[in-house]
Full PDB file with SEQRES, HELIX, SHEET, SSBOND, CRYST1, ORIGX, SCALE, CONECT and MASTER records, all heavy atoms in Angstrom:
SEQRES   1 A   32  PHE TYR MET TYR GLY ASP ARG ARG GLY LEU LEU PHE ARG          
SEQRES   2 A   32  SER TYR ALA LYS ASP GLN ILE ARG ASP LEU THR ASP GLY          
SEQRES   3 A   32  ALA LEU LYS THR ASN LYS                                      
HELIX    1 AA1 TYR A    2  GLY A    5  1                                   4    
HELIX    2 AA2 ARG A    7  GLY A    9  5                                   3    
HELIX    3 AA3 GLN A   19  THR A   30  1                                  12    
CRYST1    1.000    1.000    1.000  90.00  90.00  90.00 P 1           1          
ORIGX1      1.000000  0.000000  0.000000        0.00000                         
ORIGX2      0.000000  1.000000  0.000000        0.00000                         
ORIGX3      0.000000  0.000000  1.000000        0.00000                         
SCALE1      1.000000  0.000000  0.000000        0.00000                         
SCALE2      0.000000  1.000000  0.000000        0.00000                         
SCALE3      0.000000  0.000000  1.000000        0.00000                         
ATOM      1  N   PHE A   1      47.806   5.371 -52.051  1.00  0.00           N  
ATOM      2  CA  PHE A   1      49.129   4.892 -51.676  1.00  0.00           C  
ATOM      3  C   PHE A   1      49.474   5.291 -50.247  1.00  0.00           C  
ATOM      4  O   PHE A   1      49.978   4.469 -49.468  1.00  0.00           O  
ATOM      5  CB  PHE A   1      50.171   5.445 -52.650  1.00  0.00           C  
ATOM      6  CG  PHE A   1      51.566   4.927 -52.402  1.00  0.00           C  
ATOM      7  CD1 PHE A   1      51.939   3.681 -52.866  1.00  0.00           C  
ATOM      8  CD2 PHE A   1      52.487   5.685 -51.704  1.00  0.00           C  
ATOM      9  CE1 PHE A   1      53.229   3.193 -52.641  1.00  0.00           C  
ATOM     10  CE2 PHE A   1      53.770   5.214 -51.476  1.00  0.00           C  
ATOM     11  CZ  PHE A   1      54.148   3.969 -51.940  1.00  0.00           C  
ATOM     12  N   TYR A   2      49.217   6.528 -49.886  1.00  0.00           N  
ATOM     13  CA  TYR A   2      49.594   7.010 -48.555  1.00  0.00           C  
ATOM     14  C   TYR A   2      48.557   6.651 -47.498  1.00  0.00           C  
ATOM     15  O   TYR A   2      48.895   6.509 -46.322  1.00  0.00           O  
ATOM     16  CB  TYR A   2      49.854   8.512 -48.605  1.00  0.00           C  
ATOM     17  CG  TYR A   2      50.973   8.855 -49.562  1.00  0.00           C  
ATOM     18  CD1 TYR A   2      50.719   9.467 -50.785  1.00  0.00           C  
ATOM     19  CD2 TYR A   2      52.287   8.512 -49.261  1.00  0.00           C  
ATOM     20  CE1 TYR A   2      51.745   9.747 -51.675  1.00  0.00           C  
ATOM     21  CE2 TYR A   2      53.320   8.788 -50.144  1.00  0.00           C  
ATOM     22  CZ  TYR A   2      53.044   9.406 -51.347  1.00  0.00           C  
ATOM     23  OH  TYR A   2      54.065   9.672 -52.238  1.00  0.00           O  
ATOM     24  N   MET A   3      47.315   6.492 -47.893  1.00  0.00           N  
ATOM     25  CA  MET A   3      46.317   6.008 -46.938  1.00  0.00           C  
ATOM     26  C   MET A   3      46.626   4.588 -46.511  1.00  0.00           C  
ATOM     27  O   MET A   3      46.588   4.250 -45.326  1.00  0.00           O  
ATOM     28  CB  MET A   3      44.914   6.076 -47.543  1.00  0.00           C  
ATOM     29  CG  MET A   3      44.293   7.455 -47.545  1.00  0.00           C  
ATOM     30  SD  MET A   3      43.981   8.132 -45.892  1.00  0.00           S  
ATOM     31  CE  MET A   3      42.642   7.072 -45.329  1.00  0.00           C  
ATOM     32  N   TYR A   4      46.948   3.722 -47.469  1.00  0.00           N  
ATOM     33  CA  TYR A   4      47.216   2.328 -47.152  1.00  0.00           C  
ATOM     34  C   TYR A   4      48.511   2.170 -46.362  1.00  0.00           C  
ATOM     35  O   TYR A   4      48.581   1.394 -45.416  1.00  0.00           O  
ATOM     36  CB  TYR A   4      47.329   1.499 -48.444  1.00  0.00           C  
ATOM     37  CG  TYR A   4      46.073   1.397 -49.274  1.00  0.00           C  
ATOM     38  CD1 TYR A   4      46.146   1.193 -50.650  1.00  0.00           C  
ATOM     39  CD2 TYR A   4      44.810   1.482 -48.702  1.00  0.00           C  
ATOM     40  CE1 TYR A   4      45.013   1.072 -51.431  1.00  0.00           C  
ATOM     41  CE2 TYR A   4      43.666   1.380 -49.477  1.00  0.00           C  
ATOM     42  CZ  TYR A   4      43.769   1.176 -50.846  1.00  0.00           C  
ATOM     43  OH  TYR A   4      42.637   1.071 -51.611  1.00  0.00           O  
ATOM     44  N   GLY A   5      49.550   2.910 -46.758  1.00  0.00           N  
ATOM     45  CA  GLY A   5      50.864   2.675 -46.173  1.00  0.00           C  
ATOM     46  C   GLY A   5      51.223   3.524 -44.986  1.00  0.00           C  
ATOM     47  O   GLY A   5      51.995   3.085 -44.129  1.00  0.00           O  
ATOM     48  N   ASP A   6      50.702   4.754 -44.899  1.00  0.00           N  
ATOM     49  CA  ASP A   6      51.084   5.678 -43.831  1.00  0.00           C  
ATOM     50  C   ASP A   6      49.930   6.040 -42.894  1.00  0.00           C  
ATOM     51  O   ASP A   6      50.023   5.870 -41.684  1.00  0.00           O  
ATOM     52  CB  ASP A   6      51.655   6.973 -44.430  1.00  0.00           C  
ATOM     53  CG  ASP A   6      53.025   6.775 -45.045  1.00  0.00           C  
ATOM     54  OD1 ASP A   6      53.803   5.980 -44.496  1.00  0.00           O  
ATOM     55  OD2 ASP A   6      53.312   7.408 -46.078  1.00  0.00           O  
ATOM     56  N   ARG A   7      48.849   6.539 -43.481  1.00  0.00           N  
ATOM     57  CA  ARG A   7      47.751   7.058 -42.645  1.00  0.00           C  
ATOM     58  C   ARG A   7      47.101   5.936 -41.842  1.00  0.00           C  
ATOM     59  O   ARG A   7      46.684   6.152 -40.703  1.00  0.00           O  
ATOM     60  CB  ARG A   7      46.723   7.748 -43.544  1.00  0.00           C  
ATOM     61  CG  ARG A   7      45.617   8.502 -42.799  1.00  0.00           C  
ATOM     62  CD  ARG A   7      46.064   9.881 -42.361  1.00  0.00           C  
ATOM     63  NE  ARG A   7      45.043  10.509 -41.520  1.00  0.00           N  
ATOM     64  CZ  ARG A   7      44.062  11.276 -41.964  1.00  0.00           C  
ATOM     65  NH1 ARG A   7      43.958  11.523 -43.254  1.00  0.00           N  
ATOM     66  NH2 ARG A   7      43.192  11.797 -41.128  1.00  0.00           N  
ATOM     67  N   ARG A   8      47.019   4.743 -42.402  1.00  0.00           N  
ATOM     68  CA  ARG A   8      46.408   3.629 -41.673  1.00  0.00           C  
ATOM     69  C   ARG A   8      47.180   3.322 -40.385  1.00  0.00           C  
ATOM     70  O   ARG A   8      46.609   2.876 -39.400  1.00  0.00           O  
ATOM     71  CB  ARG A   8      46.366   2.386 -42.568  1.00  0.00           C  
ATOM     72  CG  ARG A   8      45.789   1.140 -41.885  1.00  0.00           C  
ATOM     73  CD  ARG A   8      44.278   1.230 -41.748  1.00  0.00           C  
ATOM     74  NE  ARG A   8      43.744   0.130 -40.958  1.00  0.00           N  
ATOM     75  CZ  ARG A   8      43.526  -1.114 -41.385  1.00  0.00           C  
ATOM     76  NH1 ARG A   8      43.819  -1.422 -42.643  1.00  0.00           N  
ATOM     77  NH2 ARG A   8      43.022  -2.019 -40.594  1.00  0.00           N  
ATOM     78  N   GLY A   9      48.473   3.553 -40.397  1.00  0.00           N  
ATOM     79  CA  GLY A   9      49.276   3.337 -39.198  1.00  0.00           C  
ATOM     80  C   GLY A   9      49.307   4.514 -38.257  1.00  0.00           C  
ATOM     81  O   GLY A   9      50.018   4.489 -37.255  1.00  0.00           O  
ATOM     82  N   LEU A  10      48.558   5.568 -38.571  1.00  0.00           N  
ATOM     83  CA  LEU A  10      48.470   6.799 -37.780  1.00  0.00           C  
ATOM     84  C   LEU A  10      49.735   7.643 -37.864  1.00  0.00           C  
ATOM     85  O   LEU A  10      49.960   8.503 -37.012  1.00  0.00           O  
ATOM     86  CB  LEU A  10      48.147   6.509 -36.306  1.00  0.00           C  
ATOM     87  CG  LEU A  10      46.938   5.631 -36.017  1.00  0.00           C  
ATOM     88  CD1 LEU A  10      46.697   5.563 -34.506  1.00  0.00           C  
ATOM     89  CD2 LEU A  10      45.695   6.133 -36.721  1.00  0.00           C  
ATOM     90  N   LEU A  11      50.556   7.429 -38.883  1.00  0.00           N  
ATOM     91  CA  LEU A  11      51.739   8.257 -39.041  1.00  0.00           C  
ATOM     92  C   LEU A  11      51.359   9.708 -39.318  1.00  0.00           C  
ATOM     93  O   LEU A  11      52.064  10.634 -38.920  1.00  0.00           O  
ATOM     94  CB  LEU A  11      52.591   7.719 -40.189  1.00  0.00           C  
ATOM     95  CG  LEU A  11      54.000   8.270 -40.334  1.00  0.00           C  
ATOM     96  CD1 LEU A  11      54.827   7.982 -39.094  1.00  0.00           C  
ATOM     97  CD2 LEU A  11      54.677   7.691 -41.563  1.00  0.00           C  
ATOM     98  N   PHE A  12      50.233   9.897 -39.998  1.00  0.00           N  
ATOM     99  CA  PHE A  12      49.689  11.229 -40.240  1.00  0.00           C  
ATOM    100  C   PHE A  12      48.253  11.267 -39.733  1.00  0.00           C  
ATOM    101  O   PHE A  12      47.582  10.240 -39.633  1.00  0.00           O  
ATOM    102  CB  PHE A  12      49.693  11.571 -41.735  1.00  0.00           C  
ATOM    103  CG  PHE A  12      51.052  11.732 -42.318  1.00  0.00           C  
ATOM    104  CD1 PHE A  12      51.722  10.655 -42.878  1.00  0.00           C  
ATOM    105  CD2 PHE A  12      51.681  12.965 -42.317  1.00  0.00           C  
ATOM    106  CE1 PHE A  12      52.980  10.789 -43.424  1.00  0.00           C  
ATOM    107  CE2 PHE A  12      52.939  13.119 -42.865  1.00  0.00           C  
ATOM    108  CZ  PHE A  12      53.596  12.027 -43.414  1.00  0.00           C  
ATOM    109  N   ARG A  13      47.782  12.459 -39.430  1.00  0.00           N  
ATOM    110  CA  ARG A  13      46.383  12.665 -39.079  1.00  0.00           C  
ATOM    111  C   ARG A  13      45.940  14.006 -39.643  1.00  0.00           C  
ATOM    112  O   ARG A  13      46.750  14.815 -40.093  1.00  0.00           O  
ATOM    113  CB  ARG A  13      46.190  12.638 -37.568  1.00  0.00           C  
ATOM    114  CG  ARG A  13      46.942  13.729 -36.818  1.00  0.00           C  
ATOM    115  CD  ARG A  13      46.451  13.869 -35.389  1.00  0.00           C  
ATOM    116  NE  ARG A  13      45.089  14.371 -35.353  1.00  0.00           N  
ATOM    117  CZ  ARG A  13      44.340  14.392 -34.243  1.00  0.00           C  
ATOM    118  NH1 ARG A  13      44.811  13.929 -33.112  1.00  0.00           N  
ATOM    119  NH2 ARG A  13      43.121  14.875 -34.277  1.00  0.00           N  
ATOM    120  N   SER A  14      44.638  14.239 -39.637  1.00  0.00           N  
ATOM    121  CA  SER A  14      44.126  15.519 -40.109  1.00  0.00           C  
ATOM    122  C   SER A  14      44.637  16.632 -39.205  1.00  0.00           C  
ATOM    123  O   SER A  14      44.654  16.485 -37.979  1.00  0.00           O  
ATOM    124  CB  SER A  14      42.595  15.513 -40.103  1.00  0.00           C  
ATOM    125  OG  SER A  14      42.099  14.511 -40.957  1.00  0.00           O  
ATOM    126  N   TYR A  15      45.030  17.737 -39.832  1.00  0.00           N  
ATOM    127  CA  TYR A  15      45.525  18.859 -39.024  1.00  0.00           C  
ATOM    128  C   TYR A  15      44.371  19.632 -38.404  1.00  0.00           C  
ATOM    129  O   TYR A  15      44.338  19.868 -37.209  1.00  0.00           O  
ATOM    130  CB  TYR A  15      46.388  19.792 -39.878  1.00  0.00           C  
ATOM    131  CG  TYR A  15      46.823  21.014 -39.096  1.00  0.00           C  
ATOM    132  CD1 TYR A  15      47.780  20.891 -38.097  1.00  0.00           C  
ATOM    133  CD2 TYR A  15      46.247  22.257 -39.319  1.00  0.00           C  
ATOM    134  CE1 TYR A  15      48.158  21.991 -37.347  1.00  0.00           C  
ATOM    135  CE2 TYR A  15      46.625  23.357 -38.589  1.00  0.00           C  
ATOM    136  CZ  TYR A  15      47.587  23.225 -37.596  1.00  0.00           C  
ATOM    137  OH  TYR A  15      47.947  24.310 -36.849  1.00  0.00           O  
ATOM    138  N   ALA A  16      43.413  20.037 -39.240  1.00  0.00           N  
ATOM    139  CA  ALA A  16      42.263  20.787 -38.730  1.00  0.00           C  
ATOM    140  C   ALA A  16      41.320  19.837 -38.002  1.00  0.00           C  
ATOM    141  O   ALA A  16      41.333  18.627 -38.201  1.00  0.00           O  
ATOM    142  CB  ALA A  16      41.548  21.494 -39.867  1.00  0.00           C  
ATOM    143  N   LYS A  17      40.479  20.385 -37.157  1.00  0.00           N  
ATOM    144  CA  LYS A  17      39.559  19.574 -36.370  1.00  0.00           C  
ATOM    145  C   LYS A  17      38.114  19.937 -36.708  1.00  0.00           C  
ATOM    146  O   LYS A  17      37.703  21.082 -36.615  1.00  0.00           O  
ATOM    147  CB  LYS A  17      39.790  19.808 -34.864  1.00  0.00           C  
ATOM    148  CG  LYS A  17      41.217  19.511 -34.402  1.00  0.00           C  
ATOM    149  CD  LYS A  17      41.545  18.044 -34.480  1.00  0.00           C  
ATOM    150  CE  LYS A  17      40.795  17.247 -33.460  1.00  0.00           C  
ATOM    151  NZ  LYS A  17      41.131  15.809 -33.528  1.00  0.00           N  
ATOM    152  N   ASP A  18      37.350  18.962 -37.141  1.00  0.00           N  
ATOM    153  CA  ASP A  18      35.911  19.090 -37.280  1.00  0.00           C  
ATOM    154  C   ASP A  18      35.333  17.688 -37.321  1.00  0.00           C  
ATOM    155  O   ASP A  18      36.057  16.693 -37.208  1.00  0.00           O  
ATOM    156  CB  ASP A  18      35.511  19.932 -38.499  1.00  0.00           C  
ATOM    157  CG  ASP A  18      35.956  19.314 -39.824  1.00  0.00           C  
ATOM    158  OD1 ASP A  18      36.112  18.075 -39.898  1.00  0.00           O  
ATOM    159  OD2 ASP A  18      36.152  20.059 -40.788  1.00  0.00           O  
ATOM    160  N   GLN A  19      34.036  17.548 -37.506  1.00  0.00           N  
ATOM    161  CA  GLN A  19      33.404  16.240 -37.381  1.00  0.00           C  
ATOM    162  C   GLN A  19      33.926  15.236 -38.402  1.00  0.00           C  
ATOM    163  O   GLN A  19      34.233  14.093 -38.068  1.00  0.00           O  
ATOM    164  CB  GLN A  19      31.883  16.365 -37.512  1.00  0.00           C  
ATOM    165  CG  GLN A  19      31.153  15.041 -37.297  1.00  0.00           C  
ATOM    166  CD  GLN A  19      29.652  15.182 -37.396  1.00  0.00           C  
ATOM    167  OE1 GLN A  19      29.150  16.205 -37.853  1.00  0.00           O  
ATOM    168  NE2 GLN A  19      28.925  14.164 -36.970  1.00  0.00           N  
ATOM    169  N   ILE A  20      34.028  15.663 -39.664  1.00  0.00           N  
ATOM    170  CA  ILE A  20      34.468  14.730 -40.703  1.00  0.00           C  
ATOM    171  C   ILE A  20      35.893  14.267 -40.445  1.00  0.00           C  
ATOM    172  O   ILE A  20      36.211  13.078 -40.518  1.00  0.00           O  
ATOM    173  CB  ILE A  20      34.339  15.376 -42.092  1.00  0.00           C  
ATOM    174  CG1 ILE A  20      32.868  15.597 -42.439  1.00  0.00           C  
ATOM    175  CG2 ILE A  20      35.020  14.518 -43.156  1.00  0.00           C  
ATOM    176  CD1 ILE A  20      32.630  16.286 -43.756  1.00  0.00           C  
ATOM    177  N   ARG A  21      36.747  15.216 -40.106  1.00  0.00           N  
ATOM    178  CA  ARG A  21      38.135  14.858 -39.846  1.00  0.00           C  
ATOM    179  C   ARG A  21      38.252  13.984 -38.598  1.00  0.00           C  
ATOM    180  O   ARG A  21      39.025  13.028 -38.569  1.00  0.00           O  
ATOM    181  CB  ARG A  21      38.966  16.124 -39.694  1.00  0.00           C  
ATOM    182  CG  ARG A  21      39.052  16.941 -40.982  1.00  0.00           C  
ATOM    183  CD  ARG A  21      39.607  18.331 -40.706  1.00  0.00           C  
ATOM    184  NE  ARG A  21      39.767  19.105 -41.921  1.00  0.00           N  
ATOM    185  CZ  ARG A  21      38.785  19.770 -42.510  1.00  0.00           C  
ATOM    186  NH1 ARG A  21      37.563  19.741 -42.013  1.00  0.00           N  
ATOM    187  NH2 ARG A  21      39.014  20.476 -43.597  1.00  0.00           N  
ATOM    188  N   ASP A  22      37.498  14.321 -37.565  1.00  0.00           N  
ATOM    189  CA  ASP A  22      37.536  13.518 -36.346  1.00  0.00           C  
ATOM    190  C   ASP A  22      37.048  12.106 -36.598  1.00  0.00           C  
ATOM    191  O   ASP A  22      37.587  11.136 -36.048  1.00  0.00           O  
ATOM    192  CB  ASP A  22      36.691  14.176 -35.250  1.00  0.00           C  
ATOM    193  CG  ASP A  22      37.352  15.435 -34.672  1.00  0.00           C  
ATOM    194  OD1 ASP A  22      38.557  15.623 -34.929  1.00  0.00           O  
ATOM    195  OD2 ASP A  22      36.666  16.194 -33.983  1.00  0.00           O  
ATOM    196  N   LEU A  23      36.022  11.950 -37.436  1.00  0.00           N  
ATOM    197  CA  LEU A  23      35.518  10.616 -37.748  1.00  0.00           C  
ATOM    198  C   LEU A  23      36.579   9.800 -38.492  1.00  0.00           C  
ATOM    199  O   LEU A  23      36.757   8.608 -38.233  1.00  0.00           O  
ATOM    200  CB  LEU A  23      34.245  10.713 -38.589  1.00  0.00           C  
ATOM    201  CG  LEU A  23      32.956  11.042 -37.852  1.00  0.00           C  
ATOM    202  CD1 LEU A  23      31.820  11.231 -38.835  1.00  0.00           C  
ATOM    203  CD2 LEU A  23      32.605   9.942 -36.851  1.00  0.00           C  
ATOM    204  N   THR A  24      37.291  10.454 -39.415  1.00  0.00           N  
ATOM    205  CA  THR A  24      38.343   9.751 -40.146  1.00  0.00           C  
ATOM    206  C   THR A  24      39.443   9.304 -39.206  1.00  0.00           C  
ATOM    207  O   THR A  24      39.850   8.135 -39.203  1.00  0.00           O  
ATOM    208  CB  THR A  24      38.926  10.652 -41.246  1.00  0.00           C  
ATOM    209  OG1 THR A  24      37.899  10.982 -42.177  1.00  0.00           O  
ATOM    210  CG2 THR A  24      40.066   9.960 -41.978  1.00  0.00           C  
ATOM    211  N   ASP A  25      39.956  10.219 -38.410  1.00  0.00           N  
ATOM    212  CA  ASP A  25      41.029   9.877 -37.479  1.00  0.00           C  
ATOM    213  C   ASP A  25      40.568   8.831 -36.471  1.00  0.00           C  
ATOM    214  O   ASP A  25      41.306   7.900 -36.148  1.00  0.00           O  
ATOM    215  CB  ASP A  25      41.520  11.127 -36.749  1.00  0.00           C  
ATOM    216  CG  ASP A  25      42.245  12.092 -37.682  1.00  0.00           C  
ATOM    217  OD1 ASP A  25      42.884  11.614 -38.631  1.00  0.00           O  
ATOM    218  OD2 ASP A  25      42.164  13.304 -37.460  1.00  0.00           O  
ATOM    219  N   GLY A  26      39.338   8.970 -35.991  1.00  0.00           N  
ATOM    220  CA  GLY A  26      38.816   8.012 -35.022  1.00  0.00           C  
ATOM    221  C   GLY A  26      38.626   6.633 -35.615  1.00  0.00           C  
ATOM    222  O   GLY A  26      38.927   5.616 -34.974  1.00  0.00           O  
ATOM    223  N   ALA A  27      38.129   6.568 -36.851  1.00  0.00           N  
ATOM    224  CA  ALA A  27      37.924   5.273 -37.494  1.00  0.00           C  
ATOM    225  C   ALA A  27      39.247   4.563 -37.732  1.00  0.00           C  
ATOM    226  O   ALA A  27      39.358   3.348 -37.560  1.00  0.00           O  
ATOM    227  CB  ALA A  27      37.184   5.464 -38.821  1.00  0.00           C  
ATOM    228  N   LEU A  28      40.267   5.312 -38.127  1.00  0.00           N  
ATOM    229  CA  LEU A  28      41.577   4.713 -38.335  1.00  0.00           C  
ATOM    230  C   LEU A  28      42.182   4.248 -37.011  1.00  0.00           C  
ATOM    231  O   LEU A  28      42.762   3.163 -36.931  1.00  0.00           O  
ATOM    232  CB  LEU A  28      42.506   5.721 -39.009  1.00  0.00           C  
ATOM    233  CG  LEU A  28      42.167   6.067 -40.462  1.00  0.00           C  
ATOM    234  CD1 LEU A  28      42.923   7.309 -40.903  1.00  0.00           C  
ATOM    235  CD2 LEU A  28      42.502   4.896 -41.383  1.00  0.00           C  
ATOM    236  N   LYS A  29      42.014   5.046 -35.982  1.00  0.00           N  
ATOM    237  CA  LYS A  29      42.617   4.744 -34.688  1.00  0.00           C  
ATOM    238  C   LYS A  29      41.984   3.525 -34.028  1.00  0.00           C  
ATOM    239  O   LYS A  29      42.663   2.670 -33.463  1.00  0.00           O  
ATOM    240  CB  LYS A  29      42.490   5.962 -33.779  1.00  0.00           C  
ATOM    241  CG  LYS A  29      43.194   5.847 -32.452  1.00  0.00           C  
ATOM    242  CD  LYS A  29      43.207   7.202 -31.770  1.00  0.00           C  
ATOM    243  CE  LYS A  29      43.877   7.113 -30.422  1.00  0.00           C  
ATOM    244  NZ  LYS A  29      43.160   6.219 -29.513  1.00  0.00           N  
ATOM    245  N   THR A  30      40.657   3.432 -34.109  1.00  0.00           N  
ATOM    246  CA  THR A  30      39.952   2.308 -33.487  1.00  0.00           C  
ATOM    247  C   THR A  30      39.762   1.136 -34.438  1.00  0.00           C  
ATOM    248  O   THR A  30      39.149   0.131 -34.075  1.00  0.00           O  
ATOM    249  CB  THR A  30      38.574   2.764 -32.964  1.00  0.00           C  
ATOM    250  OG1 THR A  30      37.798   3.279 -34.055  1.00  0.00           O  
ATOM    251  CG2 THR A  30      38.733   3.836 -31.894  1.00  0.00           C  
ATOM    252  N   ASN A  31      40.275   1.280 -35.679  1.00  0.00           N  
ATOM    253  CA  ASN A  31      40.202   0.230 -36.693  1.00  0.00           C  
ATOM    254  C   ASN A  31      38.752  -0.156 -36.999  1.00  0.00           C  
ATOM    255  O   ASN A  31      38.408  -1.330 -37.115  1.00  0.00           O  
ATOM    256  CB  ASN A  31      40.992  -1.010 -36.257  1.00  0.00           C  
ATOM    257  CG  ASN A  31      41.605  -1.738 -37.438  1.00  0.00           C  
ATOM    258  OD1 ASN A  31      42.131  -1.120 -38.356  1.00  0.00           O  
ATOM    259  ND2 ASN A  31      41.509  -3.046 -37.442  1.00  0.00           N  
ATOM    260  N   LYS A  32      37.921   0.849 -37.175  1.00  0.00           N  
ATOM    261  CA  LYS A  32      36.505   0.630 -37.500  1.00  0.00           C  
ATOM    262  C   LYS A  32      36.187   1.297 -38.841  1.00  0.00           C  
ATOM    263  O   LYS A  32      35.236   2.077 -38.956  1.00  0.00           O  
ATOM    264  CB  LYS A  32      35.617   1.200 -36.387  1.00  0.00           C  
ATOM    265  CG  LYS A  32      35.888   0.603 -35.013  1.00  0.00           C  
ATOM    266  CD  LYS A  32      35.483  -0.858 -34.929  1.00  0.00           C  
ATOM    267  CE  LYS A  32      35.870  -1.491 -33.587  1.00  0.00           C  
ATOM    268  NZ  LYS A  32      35.264  -0.836 -32.445  1.00  0.00           N  
TER     269      LYS A  32                                                      
MASTER        0    0    0    3    0    0    0    6  268    1    0    3          
END                                                                             
């Protein structure tokens, strides 16, 4: 529910930083 409605729009992002989290945030941001 929150991935489709909020996270996809970048309203939230991962707080901690590592490769998996960066890939998630990057994929959402670049729409890939």
